[in-house]
């Protein structure tokens, strides 16, 4: 584990229980995890050997989606909620590489992410980045803070990658996403990814059951059809809600279509 200077924020870090952000970091080859996370991550990989591919597929999906939004849709503002631990090609790095004036607000409520937030706050001189320690459910607080960096009268890309899985059905995750989108103008986009349950991948369900028994926070699987509901009322870009590995993959020549992973995603445009 990378050493972290004690602060009031990271005193909230619980190293006795595996945590999804740290396991995700472990699967991506990062350094910000503890033995409890590595043990849980290895056990989940035993139950579902391809699980590490989800993390990589989700990260590559982020890069392709941001690239499309910057180069084809002219987006220069990003609200990235459920940021996770900094790794390679974070949202601001992809966006500002293509458009240096891009502005990004990151939001997460994981104390370990907060402890490493300075890595998310680097920016080109022309652009800006900011970080907010807040829960996805607190939409008004998020939007109020975001307005300090973003102009909510201009199109914004709302990035919700692998985060609404932590909002149970009893909390109406669809209404929560809608509250955020309702405050954004026409031309804004939703980029969302979500772990799915499907008969084609029964071992995923077993891995999720293990996680919900031993890890934190608990997650809710949804079918691909229920994931697609988050895009209701939006113009869903081709190829729709699909395996993240199959959302506009960069293939060479006659390369076969990438294998499916149980992390599905899509991009939708608000009219």
C-alpha atoms as a PDB file:
ATOM      1  CA  UNK A   1       0.000   0.000   0.000  1.00  0.00           C
ATOM      2  CA  UNK A   2       1.271   3.467  -0.858  1.00  0.00           C
ATOM      3  CA  UNK A   3       1.923   5.398   2.349  1.00  0.00           C
ATOM      4  CA  UNK A   4      -0.652   8.062   3.126  1.00  0.00           C
ATOM      5  CA  UNK A   5       0.001  10.921   5.532  1.00  0.00           C
ATOM      6  CA  UNK A   6      -2.610  10.792   8.334  1.00  0.00           C
ATOM      7  CA  UNK A   7      -5.307  13.448   7.974  1.00  0.00           C
ATOM      8  CA  UNK A   8      -8.816  13.858   9.394  1.00  0.00           C
ATOM      9  CA  UNK A   9     -10.155  12.655   6.035  1.00  0.00           C
ATOM     10  CA  UNK A  10      -8.188   9.442   5.685  1.00  0.00           C
ATOM     11  CA  UNK A  11      -8.709   8.567   9.339  1.00  0.00           C
ATOM     12  CA  UNK A  12     -12.064   7.307   8.003  1.00  0.00           C
ATOM     13  CA  UNK A  13     -10.260   4.616   5.974  1.00  0.00           C
ATOM     14  CA  UNK A  14     -11.209   1.120   7.151  1.00  0.00           C
ATOM     15  CA  UNK A  15      -8.440  -1.379   6.378  1.00  0.00           C
ATOM     16  CA  UNK A  16     -10.218  -4.290   8.088  1.00  0.00           C
ATOM     17  CA  UNK A  17     -12.799  -4.717   5.322  1.00  0.00           C
ATOM     18  CA  UNK A  18     -12.223  -4.928   1.549  1.00  0.00           C
ATOM     19  CA  UNK A  19     -13.339  -1.877  -0.397  1.00  0.00           C
ATOM     20  CA  UNK A  20     -14.428  -1.743  -4.016  1.00  0.00           C
ATOM     21  CA  UNK A  21     -12.289   1.256  -5.037  1.00  0.00           C
ATOM     22  CA  UNK A  22      -9.148  -0.389  -3.684  1.00  0.00           C
ATOM     23  CA  UNK A  23      -9.927  -3.759  -5.292  1.00  0.00           C
ATOM     24  CA  UNK A  24     -10.600  -1.992  -8.603  1.00  0.00           C
ATOM     25  CA  UNK A  25      -7.207  -0.295  -8.222  1.00  0.00           C
ATOM     26  CA  UNK A  26      -5.609  -3.692  -7.521  1.00  0.00           C
ATOM     27  CA  UNK A  27      -7.112  -5.207 -10.675  1.00  0.00           C
ATOM     28  CA  UNK A  28      -5.885  -2.226 -12.713  1.00  0.00           C
ATOM     29  CA  UNK A  29      -2.330  -2.765 -11.471  1.00  0.00           C
ATOM     30  CA  UNK A  30      -2.303   0.192  -9.082  1.00  0.00           C
ATOM     31  CA  UNK A  31      -0.636   0.454  -5.671  1.00  0.00           C
ATOM     32  CA  UNK A  32      -3.433   1.823  -3.497  1.00  0.00           C
ATOM     33  CA  UNK A  33      -4.749  -1.298  -1.791  1.00  0.00           C
ATOM     34  CA  UNK A  34      -4.294  -3.382   1.351  1.00  0.00           C
ATOM     35  CA  UNK A  35      -3.886  -7.111   1.975  1.00  0.00           C
ATOM     36  CA  UNK A  36      -7.608  -7.436   2.754  1.00  0.00           C
ATOM     37  CA  UNK A  37      -8.407  -5.983  -0.673  1.00  0.00           C
ATOM     38  CA  UNK A  38      -5.941  -8.240  -2.496  1.00  0.00           C
ATOM     39  CA  UNK A  39      -7.342 -11.312  -0.758  1.00  0.00           C
ATOM     40  CA  UNK A  40     -10.924 -10.398  -1.687  1.00  0.00           C
ATOM     41  CA  UNK A  41      -9.888  -9.462  -5.224  1.00  0.00           C
ATOM     42  CA  UNK A  42      -8.134 -12.802  -5.687  1.00  0.00           C
ATOM     43  CA  UNK A  43     -11.140 -14.696  -4.320  1.00  0.00           C
ATOM     44  CA  UNK A  44     -13.490 -12.870  -6.677  1.00  0.00           C
ATOM     45  CA  UNK A  45     -11.155 -13.726  -9.568  1.00  0.00           C
ATOM     46  CA  UNK A  46     -11.354 -17.387  -8.532  1.00  0.00           C
ATOM     47  CA  UNK A  47     -15.140 -17.195  -8.746  1.00  0.00           C
ATOM     48  CA  UNK A  48     -15.057 -15.232 -12.001  1.00  0.00           C
ATOM     49  CA  UNK A  49     -11.634 -15.330 -13.693  1.00  0.00           C
ATOM     50  CA  UNK A  50     -12.463 -12.551 -16.166  1.00  0.00           C
ATOM     51  CA  UNK A  51     -13.394  -9.985 -13.514  1.00  0.00           C
ATOM     52  CA  UNK A  52     -10.163  -8.054 -13.947  1.00  0.00           C
ATOM     53  CA  UNK A  53     -11.105  -7.458 -17.569  1.00  0.00           C
ATOM     54  CA  UNK A  54     -14.119  -5.438 -16.400  1.00  0.00           C
ATOM     55  CA  UNK A  55     -11.895  -2.848 -14.774  1.00  0.00           C
ATOM     56  CA  UNK A  56      -9.772  -2.525 -17.900  1.00  0.00           C
ATOM     57  CA  UNK A  57     -12.800  -2.502 -20.219  1.00  0.00           C
ATOM     58  CA  UNK A  58     -14.481   0.212 -18.116  1.00  0.00           C
ATOM     59  CA  UNK A  59     -11.331   2.376 -18.156  1.00  0.00           C
ATOM     60  CA  UNK A  60     -10.952   2.023 -21.932  1.00  0.00           C
ATOM     61  CA  UNK A  61     -14.662   2.814 -22.357  1.00  0.00           C
ATOM     62  CA  UNK A  62     -14.121   6.024 -20.394  1.00  0.00           C
ATOM     63  CA  UNK A  63     -11.270   7.010 -22.696  1.00  0.00           C
ATOM     64  CA  UNK A  64     -13.225   6.327 -25.883  1.00  0.00           C
ATOM     65  CA  UNK A  65     -16.333   8.103 -24.601  1.00  0.00           C
ATOM     66  CA  UNK A  66     -14.416  11.204 -23.496  1.00  0.00           C
ATOM     67  CA  UNK A  67     -12.546  11.253 -26.805  1.00  0.00           C
ATOM     68  CA  UNK A  68     -15.850  11.177 -28.706  1.00  0.00           C
ATOM     69  CA  UNK A  69     -17.381  13.900 -26.539  1.00  0.00           C
ATOM     70  CA  UNK A  70     -14.409  16.234 -26.972  1.00  0.00           C
ATOM     71  CA  UNK A  71     -13.674  15.647 -30.654  1.00  0.00           C
ATOM     72  CA  UNK A  72     -17.149  15.005 -32.067  1.00  0.00           C
ATOM     73  CA  UNK A  73     -19.591  16.652 -29.648  1.00  0.00           C
ATOM     74  CA  UNK A  74     -17.516  19.688 -28.655  1.00  0.00           C
ATOM     75  CA  UNK A  75     -17.887  19.022 -24.919  1.00  0.00           C
ATOM     76  CA  UNK A  76     -15.449  20.913 -22.698  1.00  0.00           C
ATOM     77  CA  UNK A  77     -17.016  20.316 -19.271  1.00  0.00           C
ATOM     78  CA  UNK A  78     -17.151  17.075 -17.300  1.00  0.00           C
ATOM     79  CA  UNK A  79     -18.831  16.187 -14.004  1.00  0.00           C
ATOM     80  CA  UNK A  80     -17.290  12.846 -12.999  1.00  0.00           C
ATOM     81  CA  UNK A  81     -19.128  11.288 -10.035  1.00  0.00           C
ATOM     82  CA  UNK A  82     -17.785   8.116  -8.459  1.00  0.00           C
ATOM     83  CA  UNK A  83     -14.306   8.960  -9.630  1.00  0.00           C
ATOM     84  CA  UNK A  84     -12.439   6.129  -7.946  1.00  0.00           C
ATOM     85  CA  UNK A  85      -8.727   6.084  -7.224  1.00  0.00           C
ATOM     86  CA  UNK A  86      -6.514   7.945  -9.705  1.00  0.00           C
ATOM     87  CA  UNK A  87      -5.025   5.701 -12.379  1.00  0.00           C
ATOM     88  CA  UNK A  88      -3.769   6.266 -15.911  1.00  0.00           C
ATOM     89  CA  UNK A  89      -5.915   8.309 -18.285  1.00  0.00           C
ATOM     90  CA  UNK A  90      -8.290   9.913 -15.820  1.00  0.00           C
ATOM     91  CA  UNK A  91     -11.070  12.015 -17.339  1.00  0.00           C
ATOM     92  CA  UNK A  92      -9.168  15.304 -17.202  1.00  0.00           C
ATOM     93  CA  UNK A  93      -6.051  13.754 -18.735  1.00  0.00           C
ATOM     94  CA  UNK A  94      -7.952  12.395 -21.739  1.00  0.00           C
ATOM     95  CA  UNK A  95     -10.035  15.559 -22.192  1.00  0.00           C
ATOM     96  CA  UNK A  96      -7.217  18.095 -21.734  1.00  0.00           C
ATOM     97  CA  UNK A  97      -4.886  16.159 -23.998  1.00  0.00           C
ATOM     98  CA  UNK A  98      -7.425  16.774 -26.765  1.00  0.00           C
ATOM     99  CA  UNK A  99      -8.756  20.159 -25.625  1.00  0.00           C
ATOM    100  CA  UNK A 100      -6.520  21.903 -23.064  1.00  0.00           C
ATOM    101  CA  UNK A 101      -9.325  24.252 -21.989  1.00  0.00           C
ATOM    102  CA  UNK A 102     -11.488  21.385 -20.680  1.00  0.00           C
ATOM    103  CA  UNK A 103     -12.825  21.692 -17.129  1.00  0.00           C
ATOM    104  CA  UNK A 104     -13.483  18.691 -14.882  1.00  0.00           C
ATOM    105  CA  UNK A 105     -15.105  18.331 -11.466  1.00  0.00           C
ATOM    106  CA  UNK A 106     -14.496  15.005  -9.729  1.00  0.00           C
ATOM    107  CA  UNK A 107     -16.831  13.738  -6.997  1.00  0.00           C
ATOM    108  CA  UNK A 108     -16.321  10.777  -4.667  1.00  0.00           C
ATOM    109  CA  UNK A 109     -17.012   9.999  -1.013  1.00  0.00           C
ATOM    110  CA  UNK A 110     -14.265   7.426  -0.488  1.00  0.00           C
ATOM    111  CA  UNK A 111     -11.724   8.727   2.069  1.00  0.00           C
ATOM    112  CA  UNK A 112      -8.859   6.993   0.259  1.00  0.00           C
ATOM    113  CA  UNK A 113      -9.795   8.721  -2.996  1.00  0.00           C
ATOM    114  CA  UNK A 114      -9.869  12.018  -1.087  1.00  0.00           C
ATOM    115  CA  UNK A 115      -6.397  11.303   0.293  1.00  0.00           C
ATOM    116  CA  UNK A 116      -5.118  10.948  -3.274  1.00  0.00           C
ATOM    117  CA  UNK A 117      -7.239  13.712  -4.780  1.00  0.00           C
ATOM    118  CA  UNK A 118      -4.227  15.925  -5.461  1.00  0.00           C
ATOM    119  CA  UNK A 119      -3.417  13.554  -8.351  1.00  0.00           C
ATOM    120  CA  UNK A 120      -6.784  14.504  -9.863  1.00  0.00           C
ATOM    121  CA  UNK A 121      -6.221  18.225  -9.478  1.00  0.00           C
ATOM    122  CA  UNK A 122      -3.404  18.654 -11.968  1.00  0.00           C
ATOM    123  CA  UNK A 123      -4.557  20.662 -14.959  1.00  0.00           C
ATOM    124  CA  UNK A 124      -3.411  22.435 -18.053  1.00  0.00           C
ATOM    125  CA  UNK A 125      -3.055  26.210 -17.592  1.00  0.00           C
ATOM    126  CA  UNK A 126      -6.048  26.708 -19.903  1.00  0.00           C
ATOM    127  CA  UNK A 127      -8.326  24.240 -18.102  1.00  0.00           C
ATOM    128  CA  UNK A 128      -9.435  23.562 -14.535  1.00  0.00           C
ATOM    129  CA  UNK A 129     -10.002  20.568 -12.280  1.00  0.00           C
ATOM    130  CA  UNK A 130     -11.699  20.384  -8.896  1.00  0.00           C
ATOM    131  CA  UNK A 131     -12.574  17.647  -6.397  1.00  0.00           C
ATOM    132  CA  UNK A 132     -15.583  17.306  -4.097  1.00  0.00           C
ATOM    133  CA  UNK A 133     -15.882  14.832  -1.214  1.00  0.00           C
ATOM    134  CA  UNK A 134     -19.583  14.051  -1.536  1.00  0.00           C
ATOM    135  CA  UNK A 135     -22.084  11.208  -1.993  1.00  0.00           C
ATOM    136  CA  UNK A 136     -23.863  10.693  -5.322  1.00  0.00           C
ATOM    137  CA  UNK A 137     -27.179  10.879  -3.503  1.00  0.00           C
ATOM    138  CA  UNK A 138     -26.596  14.509  -2.494  1.00  0.00           C
ATOM    139  CA  UNK A 139     -27.334  15.941  -5.925  1.00  0.00           C
ATOM    140  CA  UNK A 140     -27.966  19.533  -4.870  1.00  0.00           C
ATOM    141  CA  UNK A 141     -24.701  19.775  -2.951  1.00  0.00           C
ATOM    142  CA  UNK A 142     -22.839  18.323  -5.939  1.00  0.00           C
ATOM    143  CA  UNK A 143     -24.382  20.746  -8.411  1.00  0.00           C
ATOM    144  CA  UNK A 144     -23.869  23.742  -6.131  1.00  0.00           C
ATOM    145  CA  UNK A 145     -20.168  22.926  -5.835  1.00  0.00           C
ATOM    146  CA  UNK A 146     -19.801  22.065  -9.527  1.00  0.00           C
ATOM    147  CA  UNK A 147     -21.058  25.532 -10.481  1.00  0.00           C
ATOM    148  CA  UNK A 148     -17.874  27.003  -9.021  1.00  0.00           C
ATOM    149  CA  UNK A 149     -15.907  25.370 -11.848  1.00  0.00           C
ATOM    150  CA  UNK A 150     -18.442  24.508 -14.543  1.00  0.00           C
ATOM    151  CA  UNK A 151     -20.906  26.716 -16.389  1.00  0.00           C
ATOM    152  CA  UNK A 152     -24.144  24.750 -16.076  1.00  0.00           C
ATOM    153  CA  UNK A 153     -25.705  26.880 -18.813  1.00  0.00           C
ATOM    154  CA  UNK A 154     -23.348  25.166 -21.267  1.00  0.00           C
ATOM    155  CA  UNK A 155     -23.290  21.420 -22.136  1.00  0.00           C
ATOM    156  CA  UNK A 156     -21.749  19.113 -19.546  1.00  0.00           C
ATOM    157  CA  UNK A 157     -20.816  15.435 -19.724  1.00  0.00           C
ATOM    158  CA  UNK A 158     -22.184  13.653 -16.659  1.00  0.00           C
ATOM    159  CA  UNK A 159     -19.865  10.687 -16.015  1.00  0.00           C
ATOM    160  CA  UNK A 160     -21.341   7.903 -13.868  1.00  0.00           C
ATOM    161  CA  UNK A 161     -19.022   4.961 -14.381  1.00  0.00           C
ATOM    162  CA  UNK A 162     -19.587   2.026 -12.059  1.00  0.00           C
ATOM    163  CA  UNK A 163     -21.248   4.151  -9.382  1.00  0.00           C
ATOM    164  CA  UNK A 164     -25.056   3.763  -9.579  1.00  0.00           C
ATOM    165  CA  UNK A 165     -24.508   0.073  -8.799  1.00  0.00           C
ATOM    166  CA  UNK A 166     -24.115   1.257  -5.202  1.00  0.00           C
ATOM    167  CA  UNK A 167     -27.604   2.816  -5.142  1.00  0.00           C
ATOM    168  CA  UNK A 168     -30.265   0.273  -4.231  1.00  0.00           C
ATOM    169  CA  UNK A 169     -33.611  -0.005  -5.987  1.00  0.00           C
ATOM    170  CA  UNK A 170     -35.332   1.250  -2.842  1.00  0.00           C
ATOM    171  CA  UNK A 171     -33.520   4.585  -3.329  1.00  0.00           C
ATOM    172  CA  UNK A 172     -34.817   5.054  -6.914  1.00  0.00           C
ATOM    173  CA  UNK A 173     -31.510   5.407  -8.773  1.00  0.00           C
ATOM    174  CA  UNK A 174     -33.323   6.461 -11.952  1.00  0.00           C
ATOM    175  CA  UNK A 175     -34.815   9.523 -10.251  1.00  0.00           C
ATOM    176  CA  UNK A 176     -31.410  10.364  -8.786  1.00  0.00           C
ATOM    177  CA  UNK A 177     -29.754  10.386 -12.229  1.00  0.00           C
ATOM    178  CA  UNK A 178     -32.694  12.338 -13.629  1.00  0.00           C
ATOM    179  CA  UNK A 179     -32.280  15.047 -10.966  1.00  0.00           C
ATOM    180  CA  UNK A 180     -28.715  15.587 -12.120  1.00  0.00           C
ATOM    181  CA  UNK A 181     -29.610  15.591 -15.812  1.00  0.00           C
ATOM    182  CA  UNK A 182     -32.544  17.964 -15.278  1.00  0.00           C
ATOM    183  CA  UNK A 183     -30.114  20.682 -14.171  1.00  0.00           C
ATOM    184  CA  UNK A 184     -27.963  20.308 -17.283  1.00  0.00           C
ATOM    185  CA  UNK A 185     -28.772  22.031 -20.591  1.00  0.00           C
ATOM    186  CA  UNK A 186     -29.528  20.539 -24.001  1.00  0.00           C
ATOM    187  CA  UNK A 187     -26.423  19.155 -25.627  1.00  0.00           C
ATOM    188  CA  UNK A 188     -25.232  17.614 -22.357  1.00  0.00           C
ATOM    189  CA  UNK A 189     -24.394  13.914 -22.328  1.00  0.00           C
ATOM    190  CA  UNK A 190     -24.708  11.011 -19.893  1.00  0.00           C
ATOM    191  CA  UNK A 191     -21.883   8.439 -19.831  1.00  0.00           C
ATOM    192  CA  UNK A 192     -22.852   5.518 -17.596  1.00  0.00           C
ATOM    193  CA  UNK A 193     -21.522   2.017 -16.939  1.00  0.00           C
ATOM    194  CA  UNK A 194     -22.973  -0.668 -14.704  1.00  0.00           C
ATOM    195  CA  UNK A 195     -22.298  -4.276 -13.700  1.00  0.00           C
ATOM    196  CA  UNK A 196     -25.010  -6.493 -15.174  1.00  0.00           C
ATOM    197  CA  UNK A 197     -26.638  -9.779 -14.390  1.00  0.00           C
ATOM    198  CA  UNK A 198     -27.296 -12.042 -17.346  1.00  0.00           C
ATOM    199  CA  UNK A 199     -27.870 -15.796 -17.803  1.00  0.00           C
ATOM    200  CA  UNK A 200     -24.869 -15.826 -20.136  1.00  0.00           C
ATOM    201  CA  UNK A 201     -22.523 -15.056 -17.215  1.00  0.00           C
ATOM    202  CA  UNK A 202     -23.804 -16.945 -14.147  1.00  0.00           C
ATOM    203  CA  UNK A 203     -20.434 -16.813 -12.364  1.00  0.00           C
ATOM    204  CA  UNK A 204     -20.780 -13.028 -12.126  1.00  0.00           C
ATOM    205  CA  UNK A 205     -23.749 -13.468  -9.782  1.00  0.00           C
ATOM    206  CA  UNK A 206     -21.677 -15.691  -7.496  1.00  0.00           C
ATOM    207  CA  UNK A 207     -18.861 -13.136  -7.412  1.00  0.00           C
ATOM    208  CA  UNK A 208     -21.359 -10.385  -6.526  1.00  0.00           C
ATOM    209  CA  UNK A 209     -22.846 -12.523  -3.756  1.00  0.00           C
ATOM    210  CA  UNK A 210     -19.353 -12.999  -2.307  1.00  0.00           C
ATOM    211  CA  UNK A 211     -18.710  -9.270  -2.501  1.00  0.00           C
ATOM    212  CA  UNK A 212     -21.966  -8.300  -0.794  1.00  0.00           C
ATOM    213  CA  UNK A 213     -21.227 -10.754   2.037  1.00  0.00           C
ATOM    214  CA  UNK A 214     -17.670  -9.556   2.641  1.00  0.00           C
ATOM    215  CA  UNK A 215     -17.059  -6.146   1.050  1.00  0.00           C
ATOM    216  CA  UNK A 216     -18.208  -2.561   1.129  1.00  0.00           C
ATOM    217  CA  UNK A 217     -20.161  -0.773  -0.201  1.00  0.00           C
ATOM    218  CA  UNK A 218     -22.822  -3.270  -1.236  1.00  0.00           C
ATOM    219  CA  UNK A 219     -23.793  -3.318  -4.883  1.00  0.00           C
ATOM    220  CA  UNK A 220     -26.950  -3.953  -6.896  1.00  0.00           C
ATOM    221  CA  UNK A 221     -26.786  -5.804 -10.199  1.00  0.00           C
ATOM    222  CA  UNK A 222     -29.232  -4.919 -12.945  1.00  0.00           C
ATOM    223  CA  UNK A 223     -30.073  -6.499 -16.266  1.00  0.00           C
ATOM    224  CA  UNK A 224     -28.884  -4.779 -19.464  1.00  0.00           C
ATOM    225  CA  UNK A 225     -32.492  -3.678 -20.050  1.00  0.00           C
ATOM    226  CA  UNK A 226     -32.653  -2.016 -16.638  1.00  0.00           C
ATOM    227  CA  UNK A 227     -29.308  -0.311 -17.248  1.00  0.00           C
ATOM    228  CA  UNK A 228     -30.710   1.060 -20.515  1.00  0.00           C
ATOM    229  CA  UNK A 229     -33.527   2.711 -18.528  1.00  0.00           C
ATOM    230  CA  UNK A 230     -31.042   5.275 -17.213  1.00  0.00           C
ATOM    231  CA  UNK A 231     -30.968   6.691 -20.748  1.00  0.00           C
ATOM    232  CA  UNK A 232     -34.750   7.113 -21.073  1.00  0.00           C
ATOM    233  CA  UNK A 233     -35.514  10.445 -22.727  1.00  0.00           C
ATOM    234  CA  UNK A 234     -32.001  10.795 -24.141  1.00  0.00           C
ATOM    235  CA  UNK A 235     -30.724  10.213 -27.651  1.00  0.00           C
ATOM    236  CA  UNK A 236     -28.760   6.989 -27.156  1.00  0.00           C
ATOM    237  CA  UNK A 237     -25.626   6.986 -29.293  1.00  0.00           C
ATOM    238  CA  UNK A 238     -24.726   3.931 -31.334  1.00  0.00           C
ATOM    239  CA  UNK A 239     -24.159   1.099 -30.545  1.00  0.00           C
ATOM    240  CA  UNK A 240     -26.487   1.634 -27.558  1.00  0.00           C
ATOM    241  CA  UNK A 241     -26.009   0.042 -24.152  1.00  0.00           C
ATOM    242  CA  UNK A 242     -23.521  -2.768 -24.710  1.00  0.00           C
ATOM    243  CA  UNK A 243     -20.573  -4.471 -23.063  1.00  0.00           C
ATOM    244  CA  UNK A 244     -18.043  -1.704 -22.363  1.00  0.00           C
ATOM    245  CA  UNK A 245     -15.532  -3.668 -24.419  1.00  0.00           C
ATOM    246  CA  UNK A 246     -17.841  -3.363 -27.435  1.00  0.00           C
ATOM    247  CA  UNK A 247     -18.611   0.368 -27.257  1.00  0.00           C
ATOM    248  CA  UNK A 248     -16.815   1.660 -30.363  1.00  0.00           C
ATOM    249  CA  UNK A 249     -13.683  -0.483 -29.874  1.00  0.00           C
ATOM    250  CA  UNK A 250     -10.540   0.439 -31.729  1.00  0.00           C
ATOM    251  CA  UNK A 251      -9.978  -2.593 -33.954  1.00  0.00           C
ATOM    252  CA  UNK A 252      -7.294  -3.153 -36.527  1.00  0.00           C
ATOM    253  CA  UNK A 253      -8.359  -4.556 -39.901  1.00  0.00           C
ATOM    254  CA  UNK A 254     -10.264  -7.826 -39.541  1.00  0.00           C
ATOM    255  CA  UNK A 255      -9.764  -8.101 -35.779  1.00  0.00           C
ATOM    256  CA  UNK A 256     -12.700  -9.955 -34.191  1.00  0.00           C
ATOM    257  CA  UNK A 257     -15.166  -8.173 -31.934  1.00  0.00           C
ATOM    258  CA  UNK A 258     -13.885  -8.021 -28.350  1.00  0.00           C
ATOM    259  CA  UNK A 259     -15.271 -10.525 -25.852  1.00  0.00           C
ATOM    260  CA  UNK A 260     -18.203  -9.354 -23.759  1.00  0.00           C
ATOM    261  CA  UNK A 261     -17.692  -8.380 -20.140  1.00  0.00           C
ATOM    262  CA  UNK A 262     -20.441  -8.015 -17.541  1.00  0.00           C
ATOM    263  CA  UNK A 263     -19.842  -4.275 -17.328  1.00  0.00           C
ATOM    264  CA  UNK A 264     -22.221  -2.580 -19.762  1.00  0.00           C
ATOM    265  CA  UNK A 265     -22.195   1.077 -20.718  1.00  0.00           C
ATOM    266  CA  UNK A 266     -23.615   3.685 -23.028  1.00  0.00           C
ATOM    267  CA  UNK A 267     -23.586   7.356 -23.959  1.00  0.00           C
ATOM    268  CA  UNK A 268     -26.740   9.451 -24.365  1.00  0.00           C
ATOM    269  CA  UNK A 269     -27.346  13.032 -25.487  1.00  0.00           C
ATOM    270  CA  UNK A 270     -29.887  15.357 -23.917  1.00  0.00           C
ATOM    271  CA  UNK A 271     -32.100  17.233 -26.393  1.00  0.00           C
END
